[in-house]
Protein backbone atom coordinates (compact mmCIF):
# COMPACT_ATOMS: atom_id res chain seq x y z
CA UNK A 1 9.95 27.26 -33.15
CA UNK A 2 10.01 26.25 -29.48
CA UNK A 3 9.57 22.59 -28.66
CA UNK A 4 6.20 21.74 -27.11
CA UNK A 5 6.12 21.37 -23.35
CA UNK A 6 6.22 17.74 -22.21
CA UNK A 7 2.97 16.21 -21.01
CA UNK A 8 2.47 16.30 -17.25
CA UNK A 9 4.11 13.38 -15.48
CA UNK A 10 1.58 11.25 -13.61
CA UNK A 11 2.90 10.39 -10.16
CA UNK A 12 2.03 8.19 -7.19
CA UNK A 13 3.46 8.62 -3.70
CA UNK A 14 3.64 5.50 -1.56
CA UNK A 15 4.01 6.87 1.96
CA UNK A 16 2.97 10.46 1.32
CA UNK A 17 2.67 11.46 4.99
CA UNK A 18 6.23 10.54 5.98
CA UNK A 19 9.21 12.85 5.78
CA UNK A 20 10.17 12.00 2.19
CA UNK A 21 6.53 11.88 1.14
CA UNK A 22 5.85 15.35 2.53
CA UNK A 23 8.92 16.73 0.74
CA UNK A 24 7.64 15.20 -2.50
CA UNK A 25 4.21 16.75 -1.97
CA UNK A 26 5.88 20.12 -1.39
CA UNK A 27 7.65 19.89 -4.76
CA UNK A 28 4.45 18.87 -6.56
CA UNK A 29 2.51 21.79 -5.10
CA UNK A 30 5.18 24.19 -6.39
CA UNK A 31 4.73 23.01 -10.01
CA UNK A 32 1.14 21.92 -10.52
CA UNK A 33 1.32 22.20 -14.33
CA UNK A 34 4.10 19.63 -14.71
CA UNK A 35 2.55 16.85 -12.61
CA UNK A 36 -0.74 15.12 -12.00
CA UNK A 37 -1.29 12.73 -9.11
CA UNK A 38 -2.64 9.22 -9.53
CA UNK A 39 -2.48 7.93 -5.95
CA UNK A 40 -1.38 8.73 -2.40
CA UNK A 41 -0.95 6.28 0.47
CA UNK A 42 -0.34 6.54 4.21
CA UNK A 43 -0.06 4.28 7.22
CA UNK A 44 -2.51 5.76 9.71
CA UNK A 45 -2.09 9.56 9.54
CA UNK A 46 -5.56 10.25 8.20
CA UNK A 47 -5.54 14.00 8.93
CA UNK A 48 -2.46 14.70 6.84
CA UNK A 49 -3.50 12.28 4.11
CA UNK A 50 -6.86 14.05 3.72
CA UNK A 51 -5.11 17.43 3.66
CA UNK A 52 -2.76 16.22 0.90
CA UNK A 53 -5.59 14.65 -1.08
CA UNK A 54 -7.60 17.87 -1.05
CA UNK A 55 -4.56 19.82 -2.22
CA UNK A 56 -3.37 17.42 -4.94
CA UNK A 57 -6.68 15.79 -6.01
CA UNK A 58 -5.39 12.26 -6.74
CA UNK A 59 -7.64 9.69 -8.33
CA UNK A 60 -7.03 7.15 -5.56
CA UNK A 61 -6.11 7.32 -1.86
CA UNK A 62 -5.22 4.32 0.31
CA UNK A 63 -4.50 4.00 4.03
CA UNK A 64 -2.84 0.93 5.50
CA UNK A 65 -4.87 0.87 8.73
CA UNK A 66 -8.30 -0.64 7.90
CA UNK A 67 -9.81 1.08 10.95
CA UNK A 68 -9.39 4.41 9.16
CA UNK A 69 -11.30 3.40 6.05
CA UNK A 70 -14.73 4.71 6.95
CA UNK A 71 -13.42 8.01 8.28
CA UNK A 72 -11.32 8.47 5.14
CA UNK A 73 -14.34 7.88 2.91
CA UNK A 74 -16.47 10.29 4.90
CA UNK A 75 -13.90 13.07 4.87
CA UNK A 76 -13.32 12.76 1.11
CA UNK A 77 -16.99 12.28 0.22
CA UNK A 78 -18.05 14.34 -2.78
CA UNK A 79 -14.50 14.83 -4.08
CA UNK A 80 -14.59 11.98 -6.59
CA UNK A 81 -11.45 10.51 -5.01
CA UNK A 82 -11.60 6.73 -4.67
CA UNK A 83 -10.64 5.44 -1.21
CA UNK A 84 -9.41 2.07 0.03
CA UNK A 85 -7.72 0.62 3.10
CA UNK A 86 -5.51 -2.26 4.19
CA UNK A 87 -2.14 -3.60 2.98
CA UNK A 88 -3.69 -4.79 -0.28
CA UNK A 89 -4.86 -1.24 -1.00
CA UNK A 90 -1.23 -0.05 -0.90
CA UNK A 91 -0.39 -2.62 -3.56
CA UNK A 92 -3.39 -1.46 -5.60
CA UNK A 93 -2.11 2.12 -5.42
CA UNK A 94 1.27 0.97 -6.75
CA UNK A 95 -0.40 -0.91 -9.59
CA UNK A 96 -2.33 2.10 -10.85
CA UNK A 97 -1.09 3.75 -14.07
CA UNK A 98 1.39 6.34 -12.82
CA UNK A 99 4.53 7.04 -14.86
CA UNK A 100 6.58 7.71 -11.73
CA UNK A 101 6.22 6.20 -8.24
CA UNK A 102 7.83 7.46 -5.06
CA UNK A 103 8.48 4.39 -2.87
CA UNK A 104 8.69 6.01 0.56
CA UNK A 105 6.94 3.53 2.87
CA UNK A 106 9.37 2.96 5.74
CA UNK A 107 10.55 -0.57 6.52
CA UNK A 108 9.74 -4.00 5.14
CA UNK A 109 6.08 -2.93 4.80
CA UNK A 110 7.08 -1.08 1.65
CA UNK A 111 8.40 -4.19 -0.14
CA UNK A 112 5.18 -5.54 -1.70
CA UNK A 113 3.91 -2.15 -2.99
CA UNK A 114 7.34 -1.27 -4.39
CA UNK A 115 7.58 -4.61 -6.19
CA UNK A 116 4.10 -4.02 -7.61
CA UNK A 117 5.24 -0.72 -9.15
CA UNK A 118 8.40 -2.33 -10.51
CA UNK A 119 6.54 -5.23 -12.06
CA UNK A 120 4.49 -2.94 -14.27
CA UNK A 121 7.62 -1.16 -15.54
CA UNK A 122 7.24 2.20 -13.81
CA UNK A 123 9.97 4.69 -12.97
CA UNK A 124 10.41 3.98 -9.28
CA UNK A 125 12.09 6.56 -7.05
CA UNK A 126 13.39 4.43 -4.19
CA UNK A 127 13.45 6.00 -0.75
CA UNK A 128 12.76 2.66 0.97
CA UNK A 129 16.23 1.17 1.36
CA UNK A 130 14.78 -1.89 3.11
CA UNK A 131 13.48 -3.19 -0.25
CA UNK A 132 17.00 -3.79 -1.50
CA UNK A 133 18.28 -4.84 1.94
CA UNK A 134 15.59 -7.49 2.35
CA UNK A 135 15.18 -8.61 -1.23
CA UNK A 136 17.91 -7.13 -3.41
CA UNK A 137 18.26 -10.07 -5.81
CA UNK A 138 14.48 -10.33 -6.19
CA UNK A 139 14.08 -6.60 -6.87
CA UNK A 140 16.86 -6.58 -9.48
CA UNK A 141 15.40 -9.64 -11.20
CA UNK A 142 11.98 -7.97 -11.43
CA UNK A 143 13.56 -4.79 -12.85
CA UNK A 144 15.36 -6.82 -15.51
CA UNK A 145 12.14 -8.63 -16.43
CA UNK A 146 9.83 -5.59 -16.51
CA UNK A 147 12.16 -2.90 -17.82
CA UNK A 148 11.39 -0.65 -14.85
CA UNK A 149 13.74 2.19 -13.96
CA UNK A 150 15.04 2.45 -10.40
CA UNK A 151 16.19 5.90 -9.24
CA UNK A 152 17.79 6.16 -5.77
CA UNK A 153 16.41 8.92 -3.53
CA UNK A 154 18.57 8.53 -0.44
CA UNK A 155 20.88 11.55 -0.61
CA UNK A 156 23.96 9.31 -0.57
CA UNK A 157 22.87 7.00 -3.37
CA UNK A 158 21.47 9.86 -5.41
CA UNK A 159 24.86 11.54 -5.10
CA UNK A 160 26.65 8.42 -6.35
CA UNK A 161 24.12 7.96 -9.14
CA UNK A 162 24.77 11.50 -10.37
CA UNK A 163 28.57 11.01 -10.68
CA UNK A 164 28.82 7.27 -11.47
CA UNK A 165 29.97 6.53 -15.02
CA UNK A 166 27.53 3.78 -15.98
CA UNK A 167 29.05 3.64 -19.49
CA UNK A 168 32.41 2.60 -18.00
CA UNK A 169 31.66 0.85 -14.70
CA UNK A 170 34.99 -0.97 -14.86
CA UNK A 171 36.74 2.37 -14.27
CA UNK A 172 35.10 2.79 -10.85
CA UNK A 173 37.53 1.88 -8.12
CA UNK A 174 35.23 2.36 -5.12
CA UNK A 175 32.37 4.45 -3.78
CA UNK A 176 32.28 6.29 -0.46
CA UNK A 177 29.08 6.87 1.49
CA UNK A 178 29.25 9.84 3.82
CA UNK A 179 27.60 9.89 7.23
CA UNK A 180 26.96 12.82 9.55
CA UNK A 181 27.73 10.69 12.60
CA UNK A 182 24.35 11.56 14.10
CA UNK A 183 23.66 13.09 17.50
CA UNK A 184 26.01 10.73 19.37
CA UNK A 185 29.12 11.13 17.19
CA UNK A 186 31.15 12.43 20.12
CA UNK A 187 29.08 11.00 22.98
CA UNK A 188 30.62 8.77 25.63
CA UNK A 189 29.59 5.13 25.99
CA UNK A 190 27.92 6.00 29.28
CA UNK A 191 25.90 8.81 27.70
CA UNK A 192 24.77 6.55 24.86
CA UNK A 193 23.72 3.88 27.36
CA UNK A 194 21.38 6.41 29.00
CA UNK A 195 20.22 8.10 25.79
CA UNK A 196 16.51 8.80 25.44
CA UNK A 197 14.42 8.49 22.27
CA UNK A 198 14.16 12.29 22.21
CA UNK A 199 17.94 12.59 22.13
CA UNK A 200 18.30 9.89 19.48
CA UNK A 201 15.85 11.49 17.05
CA UNK A 202 17.41 14.95 17.38
CA UNK A 203 19.53 14.71 14.23
CA UNK A 204 21.97 17.61 13.87
CA UNK A 205 21.46 18.14 10.11
CA UNK A 206 18.50 16.26 8.64
CA UNK A 207 14.77 16.35 9.33
CA UNK A 208 13.71 12.70 9.24
CA UNK A 209 11.11 10.41 10.77
CA UNK A 210 11.71 8.75 14.15
CA UNK A 211 12.77 5.33 12.86
CA UNK A 212 15.30 6.65 10.34
CA UNK A 213 16.62 9.16 12.87
CA UNK A 214 17.31 6.38 15.40
CA UNK A 215 18.99 4.34 12.65
CA UNK A 216 21.17 7.35 11.90
CA UNK A 217 22.08 7.71 15.58
CA UNK A 218 23.17 4.04 15.74
CA UNK A 219 24.73 4.16 12.24
CA UNK A 220 22.51 1.23 11.26
CA UNK A 221 21.16 3.57 8.61
CA UNK A 222 24.61 3.69 7.03
CA UNK A 223 24.87 -0.09 7.25
CA UNK A 224 21.57 -0.48 5.40
CA UNK A 225 22.77 2.08 2.83
CA UNK A 226 25.96 0.06 2.34
CA UNK A 227 23.88 -3.01 1.45
CA UNK A 228 21.67 -0.88 -0.79
CA UNK A 229 24.74 0.50 -2.61
CA UNK A 230 25.95 -3.05 -3.24
CA UNK A 231 22.80 -3.77 -5.23
CA UNK A 232 22.37 -0.37 -6.88
CA UNK A 233 25.90 -0.14 -8.24
CA UNK A 234 26.89 -3.83 -8.47
CA UNK A 235 29.91 -3.42 -6.21
CA UNK A 236 31.29 -5.90 -3.65
CA UNK A 237 31.27 -4.92 0.02
CA UNK A 238 35.01 -4.26 0.15
CA UNK A 239 34.70 -1.52 -2.51
CA UNK A 240 32.12 0.44 -0.54
CA UNK A 241 33.55 2.79 2.10
CA UNK A 242 31.89 4.84 4.82
CA UNK A 243 33.31 8.18 5.93
CA UNK A 244 31.95 10.39 8.71
CA UNK A 245 31.42 13.95 7.44
CA UNK A 246 29.65 16.00 10.14
CA UNK A 247 28.65 18.93 7.89
CA UNK A 248 26.57 16.72 5.51
CA UNK A 249 27.63 18.79 2.50
CA UNK A 250 29.42 16.13 0.43
CA UNK A 251 26.71 13.51 0.09
CA UNK A 252 28.91 10.75 -1.34
CA UNK A 253 31.86 10.19 -3.69
CA UNK A 254 33.00 7.92 -6.50
CA UNK A 255 36.70 7.14 -6.91
CA UNK A 256 38.05 6.20 -10.36
CA UNK A 257 41.08 4.21 -11.48
CA UNK A 258 42.89 7.34 -12.68
CA UNK A 259 42.84 8.83 -9.18
CA UNK A 260 39.89 11.17 -9.81
CA UNK A 261 37.27 11.48 -7.08
CA UNK A 262 33.90 12.89 -8.11
CA UNK A 263 31.51 14.11 -5.44
CA UNK A 264 28.04 15.63 -5.32
CA UNK A 265 27.59 18.53 -2.90
CA UNK A 266 24.54 20.34 -1.59
CA UNK A 267 22.79 21.52 1.54
CA UNK A 268 21.15 18.80 3.67
CA UNK A 269 17.65 19.07 2.19
CA UNK A 270 15.88 15.97 0.87
CA UNK A 271 14.06 18.04 -1.73
CA UNK A 272 17.27 18.12 -3.79
CA UNK A 273 17.56 14.33 -4.43
CA UNK A 274 13.77 14.05 -4.69
CA UNK A 275 13.71 16.77 -7.34
CA UNK A 276 16.51 15.05 -9.22
CA UNK A 277 14.45 11.83 -9.35
CA UNK A 278 11.15 13.62 -9.98
CA UNK A 279 12.45 15.43 -13.05
CA UNK A 280 14.81 12.71 -14.34
CA UNK A 281 16.29 12.70 -16.94
CA UNK A 282 15.88 16.48 -16.80
CA UNK A 283 16.70 18.67 -13.82
CA UNK A 284 13.91 20.71 -12.28
CA UNK A 285 13.94 23.62 -9.85
CA UNK A 286 13.92 22.92 -6.11
CA UNK A 287 13.64 25.41 -3.23
CA UNK A 288 16.53 23.90 -1.26
CA UNK A 289 18.87 26.45 0.38
CA UNK A 290 21.87 27.11 -1.83
CA UNK A 291 25.29 25.94 -0.74
CA UNK A 292 27.70 28.66 0.48
CA UNK A 293 31.10 27.06 0.89
CA UNK A 294 32.73 30.31 2.02
CA UNK A 295 30.28 30.59 4.89
CA UNK A 296 31.03 27.00 5.93
CA UNK A 297 34.80 27.70 5.81
CA UNK A 298 35.76 24.05 6.38
CA UNK A 299 34.64 20.49 5.75
CA UNK A 300 35.87 17.72 8.05
CA UNK A 301 36.07 13.94 7.78
CA UNK A 302 36.84 11.01 10.07
CA UNK A 303 36.67 7.22 9.98
CA UNK A 304 33.63 5.63 11.66
CA UNK A 305 34.23 4.16 15.12
CA UNK A 306 33.09 0.54 14.80
CA UNK A 307 33.52 -0.08 18.53
CA UNK A 308 31.08 2.67 19.46
CA UNK A 309 28.78 2.01 16.48
CA UNK A 310 28.72 -1.79 16.00
CA UNK A 311 25.65 -1.63 13.71
CA UNK A 312 27.87 -0.76 10.78
CA UNK A 313 30.01 -3.84 11.47
CA UNK A 314 26.88 -6.01 11.68
CA UNK A 315 25.63 -4.75 8.32
CA UNK A 316 28.95 -5.49 6.63
CA UNK A 317 28.95 -8.98 8.10
CA UNK A 318 25.37 -9.60 6.92
CA UNK A 319 26.26 -8.52 3.38
CA UNK A 320 29.32 -10.80 3.42
CA UNK A 321 27.20 -13.72 4.67
CA UNK A 322 24.55 -13.09 2.03
CA UNK A 323 21.48 -15.25 1.53
CA UNK A 324 18.86 -14.15 4.09
CA UNK A 325 21.22 -12.44 6.54
CA UNK A 326 20.38 -8.87 5.42
CA UNK A 327 16.66 -9.69 5.75
CA UNK A 328 17.24 -10.86 9.33
CA UNK A 329 19.37 -7.80 10.07
CA UNK A 330 16.64 -5.44 8.91
CA UNK A 331 13.77 -7.25 10.67
CA UNK A 332 15.61 -7.45 13.99
CA UNK A 333 16.57 -3.79 13.73
CA UNK A 334 12.97 -2.73 13.13
CA UNK A 335 11.90 -4.64 16.26
CA UNK A 336 14.78 -3.18 18.26
CA UNK A 337 14.14 0.43 17.18
CA UNK A 338 10.42 0.08 17.90
CA UNK A 339 11.27 -1.23 21.38
CA UNK A 340 13.73 1.59 22.01
CA UNK A 341 11.22 4.26 20.95
CA UNK A 342 8.71 2.61 23.32
CA UNK A 343 11.36 2.82 26.12
CA UNK A 344 11.49 -0.93 26.61
CA UNK A 345 15.22 -1.20 25.86
CA UNK A 346 18.20 1.14 25.92
CA UNK A 347 19.93 2.68 22.93
CA UNK A 348 22.94 0.36 23.09
CA UNK A 349 20.59 -2.63 23.27
CA UNK A 350 19.53 -2.02 19.65
CA UNK A 351 22.74 -3.42 18.16
CA UNK A 352 22.91 -6.14 20.85
CA UNK A 353 19.45 -7.42 19.93
CA UNK A 354 20.24 -7.38 16.21
CA UNK A 355 23.49 -9.29 16.77
CA UNK A 356 21.82 -11.94 18.92
CA UNK A 357 19.08 -12.46 16.34
CA UNK A 358 21.65 -12.84 13.58
CA UNK A 359 23.56 -15.38 15.67
CA UNK A 360 20.40 -17.37 16.45
CA UNK A 361 18.95 -17.60 12.94
CA UNK A 362 20.61 -19.13 9.91
CA UNK A 363 19.15 -17.27 6.95
CA UNK A 364 18.44 -19.53 3.99
CA UNK A 365 17.91 -18.60 0.37
CA UNK A 366 15.22 -16.02 -0.42
CA UNK A 367 13.96 -16.93 -3.86
CA UNK A 368 10.66 -15.08 -4.00
CA UNK A 369 8.55 -12.59 -2.05
CA UNK A 370 6.95 -15.28 0.10
CA UNK A 371 10.42 -16.47 1.18
CA UNK A 372 11.42 -12.94 2.13
CA UNK A 373 8.23 -12.31 4.09
CA UNK A 374 8.48 -15.63 5.92
CA UNK A 375 12.10 -14.99 6.92
CA UNK A 376 11.18 -11.46 7.96
CA UNK A 377 8.35 -12.86 10.14
CA UNK A 378 10.66 -15.46 11.65
CA UNK A 379 13.36 -12.91 12.44
CA UNK A 380 10.87 -10.57 14.11
CA UNK A 381 9.51 -13.42 16.22
CA UNK A 382 13.02 -14.43 17.23
CA UNK A 383 13.95 -10.85 18.15
CA UNK A 384 10.83 -10.59 20.28
CA UNK A 385 11.71 -13.85 22.02
CA UNK A 386 15.09 -12.39 22.92
CA UNK A 387 13.30 -9.33 24.31
CA UNK A 388 11.05 -11.49 26.49
CA UNK A 389 14.07 -13.45 27.72
CA UNK A 390 15.89 -10.23 28.57
CA UNK A 391 18.63 -11.12 26.09
């Protein structure tokens, strides 16, 4: 006699209109019988949020921008979908009774909602690396207290998670995060100095939002992932390597004490790691293009150039310093990337602004969420002061 089908998994997507959120919605729409939707949230993209809500019929929809509240209510009138707005509404969405929560709000804005989902013991699929960068110790303490499950969604951390022997962690020698190198991997210093936002967001392999694409171009994204890996896999900074792999086929590797190196491979499509987390502990089907190694013919690797991409050096230094340094790093980077996308500073100024902010502020201990948010606010204010002064 066949085993009964499992009950549909109830899901919430925090940040449903971003790149990861849209990929998650795509997977849900392909398997409506296996999932029901509790809540969706967005920042200000009301058109796409309404479209997703009408397709998925969640119980609750929240938008961060309070100015969108009335329009959201009007456009979903008669559907029975509850609507709310403002930062507190995002936390409310995370607190609602979903079994599985996609944490895909970009930046430090995702910290409070993600913590809310963790505190009630949900399975949290983490696409917001800034949560661990800004408040890694706090997040891990809340997971230990609540019994929540944290599943990494970044392709690199998902790859490590899939081949990491958690039953024998002492046998892990080191982990290696791979990086595509972004659009400026072979660019001259002069070209990078003149780079436009359009050039920086034109990632050669991945389809990502503007902020993450710029972070990839500067390799700050890999620096943030290095800090995230430290917390996810309880490894010191010196046992986390970064290797440039332009084809983005090997997503990361784990090296063991016997000389074995285990890697996870796949095409560069975020629906693969999202599907892994969405179905966990089972595997579910995903429409990602299948890998054809013969067609690729070769895979290449190179060490990252820390002179041309100082953001990776800054991230390592912040992790070594500890305390609030990673929080400052992230806050200053968010200000710098926002300024670059607004054409107020050049591409190479991003790392310069982050480094000056780190040198100016001495990050203290971050014991609770209020400490993290206060240090984040202080770091942003300091970065903006540097901008005004012309740093």
